[in-house]
Protein backbone atom coordinates (compact mmCIF):
# COMPACT_ATOMS: atom_id res chain seq x y z
CA VAL A 1 0.00 0.00 0.00
CA SER A 2 1.09 3.60 -0.66
CA SER A 3 3.36 2.57 -3.50
CA VAL A 4 3.45 3.93 -7.04
CA LYS A 5 3.91 2.32 -10.43
CA THR A 6 4.52 3.97 -13.79
CA VAL A 7 3.08 2.48 -16.97
CA GLU A 8 3.95 3.67 -20.46
CA PHE A 9 2.81 3.05 -24.02
CA ASN A 10 5.72 2.31 -26.33
CA ASN A 11 5.97 4.27 -29.59
CA ASN A 12 2.67 6.07 -29.04
CA LYS A 13 2.17 9.67 -30.14
CA LYS A 14 -1.60 9.85 -29.77
CA LYS A 15 -3.49 11.26 -26.82
CA VAL A 16 -4.31 8.72 -24.13
CA VAL A 17 -7.29 9.06 -21.77
CA TRP A 18 -6.56 7.30 -18.48
CA LYS A 19 -9.16 6.19 -15.93
CA SER A 20 -9.30 4.00 -12.82
CA SER A 21 -12.26 1.74 -12.08
CA ASN A 22 -11.80 2.35 -8.35
CA SER A 23 -9.70 5.32 -7.23
CA LYS A 24 -10.03 4.31 -3.57
CA ILE A 25 -7.86 1.29 -4.36
CA ALA A 26 -5.66 2.57 -7.20
CA SER A 27 -5.70 6.18 -8.31
CA ILE A 28 -3.96 8.02 -11.14
CA ALA A 29 -1.30 10.21 -9.54
CA SER A 30 -0.06 11.81 -12.76
CA LYS A 31 -0.46 11.27 -16.48
CA SER A 32 0.76 12.40 -19.87
CA SER A 33 0.04 11.52 -23.49
CA SER A 34 1.79 8.17 -23.17
CA LYS A 35 2.56 7.58 -19.49
CA VAL A 36 0.61 7.20 -16.26
CA THR A 37 1.69 6.89 -12.62
CA ILE A 38 -0.63 4.72 -10.54
CA LYS A 39 -0.80 5.05 -6.75
CA GLY A 40 -1.91 2.20 -4.53
CA ASN A 41 -4.18 3.51 -1.77
CA LYS A 42 -5.58 0.41 -0.07
CA THR A 43 -5.63 -3.33 -0.62
CA GLY A 44 -7.85 -4.64 -3.36
CA THR A 45 -8.13 -4.95 -7.13
CA ALA A 46 -8.83 -2.22 -9.68
CA THR A 47 -8.60 -1.80 -13.44
CA ILE A 48 -6.78 1.03 -15.19
CA TYR A 49 -8.32 1.92 -18.55
CA ALA A 50 -6.39 3.59 -21.36
CA LYS A 51 -8.37 4.87 -24.33
CA VAL A 52 -6.29 5.71 -27.38
CA GLY A 53 -7.09 5.84 -31.09
CA GLY A 54 -10.61 4.53 -30.61
CA LYS A 55 -9.41 1.48 -28.66
CA THR A 56 -9.57 0.82 -24.92
CA TYR A 57 -6.84 -1.12 -23.14
CA LYS A 58 -7.14 -2.61 -19.66
CA LEU A 59 -4.54 -3.13 -16.93
CA LYS A 60 -5.45 -5.10 -13.82
CA VAL A 61 -3.86 -3.67 -10.66
CA VAL A 62 -3.64 -5.65 -7.42
CA VAL A 63 -2.70 -3.59 -4.34
CA VAL A 64 -1.34 -5.58 -1.41
CA LYS A 65 -0.08 -4.73 2.05
CA LYS A 66 3.64 -4.31 2.57
CA SER A 67 5.02 -7.57 3.90
CA ALA A 68 8.02 -9.86 3.66
CA TYR A 69 6.78 -10.68 0.17
CA THR A 70 6.63 -7.11 -1.16
CA VAL A 71 9.72 -5.45 0.35
CA LYS A 72 13.38 -5.61 -0.60
CA HIS A 73 15.51 -7.83 1.68
CA LYS A 74 19.17 -7.25 2.54
CA GLY A 75 21.88 -9.69 3.55
CA TYR A 76 25.08 -11.37 2.44
CA ALA A 77 25.53 -13.60 -0.59
CA THR A 78 28.02 -16.46 -0.80
CA PHE A 79 28.27 -19.34 -3.27
CA TYR A 80 28.33 -23.12 -3.01
CA ASP A 81 28.46 -26.36 -4.97
CA ARG A 82 25.63 -28.62 -3.87
CA VAL A 83 26.59 -32.27 -3.50
CA SER A 84 23.13 -33.69 -2.69
CA GLY A 85 19.50 -32.96 -3.48
CA GLY A 86 18.13 -29.50 -2.68
CA ALA A 87 15.90 -29.19 0.38
CA ALA A 88 12.96 -27.96 -1.74
CA ASN A 89 12.99 -31.03 -4.04
CA LEU A 90 12.99 -28.86 -7.17
CA ASP A 91 16.22 -30.11 -8.74
CA ASP A 92 14.41 -30.76 -12.05
CA PHE A 93 14.35 -26.99 -12.64
CA GLU A 94 18.12 -26.54 -12.48
CA SER A 95 18.48 -27.04 -16.23
CA THR A 96 16.15 -24.07 -16.77
CA TYR A 97 16.95 -21.59 -13.97
CA LEU A 98 19.93 -20.48 -11.94
CA THR A 99 19.42 -21.54 -8.33
CA ALA A 100 20.22 -20.62 -4.74
CA ALA A 101 19.74 -21.60 -1.11
CA LEU A 102 17.97 -19.21 1.29
CA ASN A 103 18.47 -18.75 5.01
CA THR A 104 16.18 -20.83 7.22
CA GLU A 105 14.03 -17.97 8.56
CA ASP A 106 13.11 -16.72 5.08
CA TYR A 107 13.01 -20.20 3.53
CA MET A 108 10.47 -21.44 6.10
CA ASN A 109 8.27 -18.42 5.38
CA ASN A 110 6.81 -20.03 2.20
CA MET A 111 9.90 -19.20 0.14
CA ALA A 112 10.78 -22.66 -1.19
CA GLY A 113 10.44 -22.36 -4.96
CA ALA A 114 10.38 -18.55 -4.92
CA TYR A 115 11.97 -16.73 -7.86
CA LEU A 116 14.21 -13.87 -6.73
CA LEU A 117 16.03 -10.93 -8.25
CA VAL A 118 19.37 -10.51 -6.45
CA THR A 119 21.28 -7.21 -6.75
CA ASP A 120 24.85 -6.54 -5.58
CA GLY A 121 26.37 -3.26 -4.41
CA ASN A 122 27.30 -2.26 -7.97
CA GLY A 123 23.79 -2.74 -9.28
CA ASP A 124 24.56 -6.02 -11.07
CA LYS A 125 21.58 -8.40 -11.04
CA VAL A 126 20.91 -12.11 -11.29
CA LYS A 127 17.66 -14.10 -11.12
CA VAL A 128 17.56 -17.33 -9.11
CA LEU A 129 15.10 -20.03 -8.07
CA ILE A 130 15.18 -21.08 -4.40
CA THR A 131 15.73 -24.83 -4.42
CA ASP A 132 17.62 -25.25 -1.16
CA ARG A 133 17.92 -24.06 2.46
CA LEU A 134 20.95 -22.32 4.03
CA PRO A 135 20.91 -23.57 7.66
CA GLU A 136 23.76 -21.37 8.94
CA GLY A 137 22.63 -18.16 7.24
CA ALA A 138 21.25 -15.12 9.07
CA LYS A 139 17.96 -13.58 7.97
CA GLY A 140 18.42 -12.05 4.52
CA ASP A 141 21.43 -14.22 3.61
CA ILE A 142 21.47 -16.22 0.39
CA ASP A 143 23.86 -18.86 -0.95
CA LEU A 144 24.02 -18.66 -4.75
CA SER A 145 25.09 -21.45 -7.02
CA ARG A 146 28.62 -20.92 -8.31
CA LYS A 147 27.28 -20.01 -11.77
CA ALA A 148 24.75 -17.52 -10.36
CA PHE A 149 27.36 -15.82 -8.14
CA ASN A 150 29.79 -15.51 -11.02
CA LYS A 151 27.11 -13.77 -13.11
CA ILE A 152 27.42 -10.66 -10.95
CA GLU A 153 30.72 -11.00 -9.09
CA PRO A 154 34.11 -12.76 -9.51
CA LEU A 155 34.24 -15.94 -7.44
CA VAL A 156 37.38 -14.68 -5.67
CA THR A 157 35.16 -12.15 -3.84
CA GLY A 158 33.56 -15.03 -1.94
CA LYS A 159 31.07 -12.93 0.01
CA MET A 160 29.22 -9.70 -0.74
CA LYS A 161 26.35 -7.54 0.44
CA VAL A 162 23.20 -7.91 -1.66
CA SER A 163 19.52 -7.10 -1.73
CA TRP A 164 16.82 -9.37 -3.13
CA LYS A 165 13.11 -9.37 -3.83
CA ILE A 166 10.44 -11.72 -5.20
CA ILE A 167 9.69 -11.54 -8.91
CA PRO A 168 7.30 -13.72 -10.97
CA LEU A 169 8.64 -16.97 -12.39
CA PRO A 170 8.72 -16.43 -16.19
CA THR A 171 6.64 -19.44 -17.18
CA SER A 172 3.75 -19.76 -19.61
CA LYS A 173 2.83 -23.22 -18.34
CA PRO A 174 0.24 -23.99 -15.63
CA ILE A 175 1.12 -25.09 -12.11
CA SER A 176 1.48 -28.83 -11.62
CA TYR A 177 1.22 -31.40 -8.84
CA VAL A 178 3.64 -34.18 -7.93
CA PHE A 179 2.57 -37.01 -5.62
CA LYS A 180 5.04 -38.92 -3.46
CA PRO A 181 5.32 -42.47 -4.92
CA THR A 182 4.23 -43.93 -1.56
CA SER A 183 1.00 -41.90 -1.52
CA SER A 184 -2.25 -43.81 -1.12
CA VAL A 185 -5.86 -43.36 -0.10
CA TYR A 186 -4.71 -43.47 3.54
CA TRP A 187 -1.62 -41.22 3.43
CA ALA A 188 -0.43 -38.79 0.81
CA GLU A 189 2.06 -36.04 0.10
CA VAL A 190 1.70 -33.55 -2.75
CA GLN A 191 4.10 -30.95 -4.10
CA VAL A 192 3.05 -27.92 -6.13
CA ARG A 193 5.44 -26.92 -8.91
CA ASN A 194 5.99 -24.22 -11.52
CA TYR A 195 4.22 -21.46 -9.60
CA ARG A 196 4.82 -17.81 -10.52
CA TYR A 197 4.66 -16.63 -6.90
CA PRO A 198 5.45 -18.43 -3.62
CA ILE A 199 2.74 -20.79 -2.35
CA ALA A 200 1.00 -19.86 0.89
CA SER A 201 -1.37 -22.84 1.17
CA LEU A 202 -2.67 -26.00 -0.48
CA GLU A 203 -6.11 -27.42 0.34
CA TYR A 204 -8.09 -30.37 -0.96
CA TYR A 205 -11.85 -30.67 -1.08
CA ASP A 206 -13.08 -33.29 1.39
CA LYS A 207 -16.17 -34.82 -0.19
CA SER A 208 -17.43 -36.33 3.06
CA LYS A 209 -17.08 -33.08 5.03
CA LYS A 210 -18.08 -30.96 2.04
CA LYS A 211 -15.36 -28.41 2.70
CA TYR A 212 -11.73 -27.64 1.88
CA VAL A 213 -9.11 -29.04 4.25
CA ALA A 214 -5.64 -27.50 4.56
CA LEU A 215 -2.57 -29.68 4.07
CA GLN A 216 0.52 -29.05 6.20
CA ARG A 217 3.62 -27.86 4.37
CA GLN A 218 6.87 -29.61 5.21
CA GLU A 219 10.41 -28.26 5.15
CA TYR A 220 11.09 -30.42 2.08
CA ASN A 221 8.36 -28.56 0.12
CA TYR A 222 5.64 -31.22 0.12
CA PHE A 223 2.18 -30.87 1.64
CA THR A 224 1.09 -33.78 3.84
CA ALA A 225 -2.29 -35.46 4.29
CA PRO A 226 -1.45 -37.74 7.28
CA SER A 227 -4.78 -39.61 7.02
CA GLY A 228 -4.97 -39.44 3.24
CA MET A 229 -7.44 -37.56 1.07
CA GLY A 230 -9.75 -40.42 0.24
CA LYS A 231 -10.30 -41.79 -3.22
CA GLY A 232 -9.53 -39.41 -6.08
CA PRO A 233 -9.65 -37.66 -8.40
CA TYR A 234 -9.08 -34.59 -6.20
CA THR A 235 -10.00 -30.94 -6.21
CA PHE A 236 -7.15 -28.71 -5.03
CA ARG A 237 -7.25 -25.06 -4.04
CA VAL A 238 -3.89 -23.27 -4.12
CA LYS A 239 -3.23 -19.78 -2.79
CA ASP A 240 -0.07 -17.73 -3.30
CA VAL A 241 1.40 -15.21 -0.84
CA TYR A 242 -0.38 -12.32 -2.61
CA GLY A 243 -3.83 -13.86 -2.26
CA HIS A 244 -4.26 -15.20 -5.81
CA VAL A 245 -6.26 -18.43 -5.83
CA LEU A 246 -6.31 -21.35 -8.28
CA VAL A 247 -8.75 -24.26 -8.19
CA ASP A 248 -7.97 -27.46 -10.08
CA LYS A 249 -10.52 -30.27 -10.36
CA ASN A 250 -10.14 -33.90 -11.40
CA ILE A 251 -6.50 -34.24 -10.38
CA ALA A 252 -5.77 -37.97 -10.36
CA MET A 253 -3.12 -39.49 -8.10
CA ASN A 254 0.02 -40.42 -10.02
CA ASN A 255 2.64 -42.51 -8.18
CA THR A 256 5.29 -42.26 -10.90
CA CYS A 257 6.55 -38.78 -9.85
CA LYS A 258 5.31 -37.44 -13.17
CA PRO A 259 3.83 -33.94 -12.72
CA VAL A 260 0.06 -33.68 -13.16
CA LYS A 261 -0.76 -30.38 -14.86
CA GLY A 262 -3.34 -27.95 -13.56
CA LYS A 263 -5.32 -25.63 -15.79
CA ALA A 264 -3.70 -22.24 -15.12
CA ASN A 265 -1.04 -20.26 -13.30
CA PHE A 266 -1.18 -17.18 -11.09
CA PRO A 267 -1.59 -13.90 -13.03
CA TYR A 268 1.38 -11.62 -13.68
């Protein structure tokens, strides 16, 4: 809340008429023929309309409270070579993204699988996926993979001050679900993958109770149903740390570790 964002039309020389659907949530602080500055006033969702050349364009704006998920964090960055599986069980993504381990306090605050933009003191930046936990790190500290560290700093430096913040994972694919191979009707563990923003909760719809039941997240980035979830297929409700919600129906249990795709991903 109380933050501003500037939006601009590229290569536009025509007059633009800007309007907010709800100025109490997001108002237009300033505007020009091609640029608008939007101010977040209170939590909620609004739409910014831009009318230009007989066409109307829409921009959805979500205003959230300042929290650990919206602010910039500061700490020290080091690098490491991992010799075993990452704590978040997301090693499959290492061929696609640069990776890192995050200190325990931040990691345990729903940050397993988060995509971060890390900036050093010179303004050099690198994007990393959190696939591991840094047990000895203080709050704010991050342990980059050797390749990620070397993107912004010579390895000889060894340790440097950095800041980092959450950014959306650049994926066009939907979220997916991975079941532990030992899952059954009586006990199950499910992992959510490929999410644009960190996951806050996973629930399944209990047909007998006719309500959603929350699954407990483990340090190793799986959600546990200690008494099982009954006979599938299942309906899952997933919420990210910004309050976006996805509901996937007819998700069948798969004990081969093959991801089961949902229908969508969280909005950018």
